[in-house]
């Protein structure tokens, strides 16, 4: 199973997809964000369980030819430390979502808060995808 590619693409697409959800649908935005981040956590845990400590140094290796004329490839793989970091990202993002659950719901209503909850959660999912990409 291509764990790493799914772990990167899922929150990225969900974050971009959140921008299509109407701004006033706060509950839907929160639920989608939390659901995707929990799915990423489940996949990260599954990848951790499938990791073989006595196996090769890099595991879950995926390689895709990107620019064949120059021999450029897009490659993903994790070692033990990267696996722990990806698991930590998968664990912390739902915590951040829970901590910011009510943020932005009253933005612009005399509270001094500004910004868009939809944009915040979209950027959070995109950040999760990029952080996983850093360690993959």
Foldseek 3Di string as FASTA:
>chain_A
DLLLVCLQVQLLVLLVVLVVDDLLPLVVLLVSLLVSLLVSLVSLVVVVVVDDLPDDQWPSKDWAQDPVVVRDIDIDTAGDVLSVQLNVLSVVLSVVSVVCSPPQNCAPVPPPHHDGPSNVSSVSSNVNSVSNVVSD
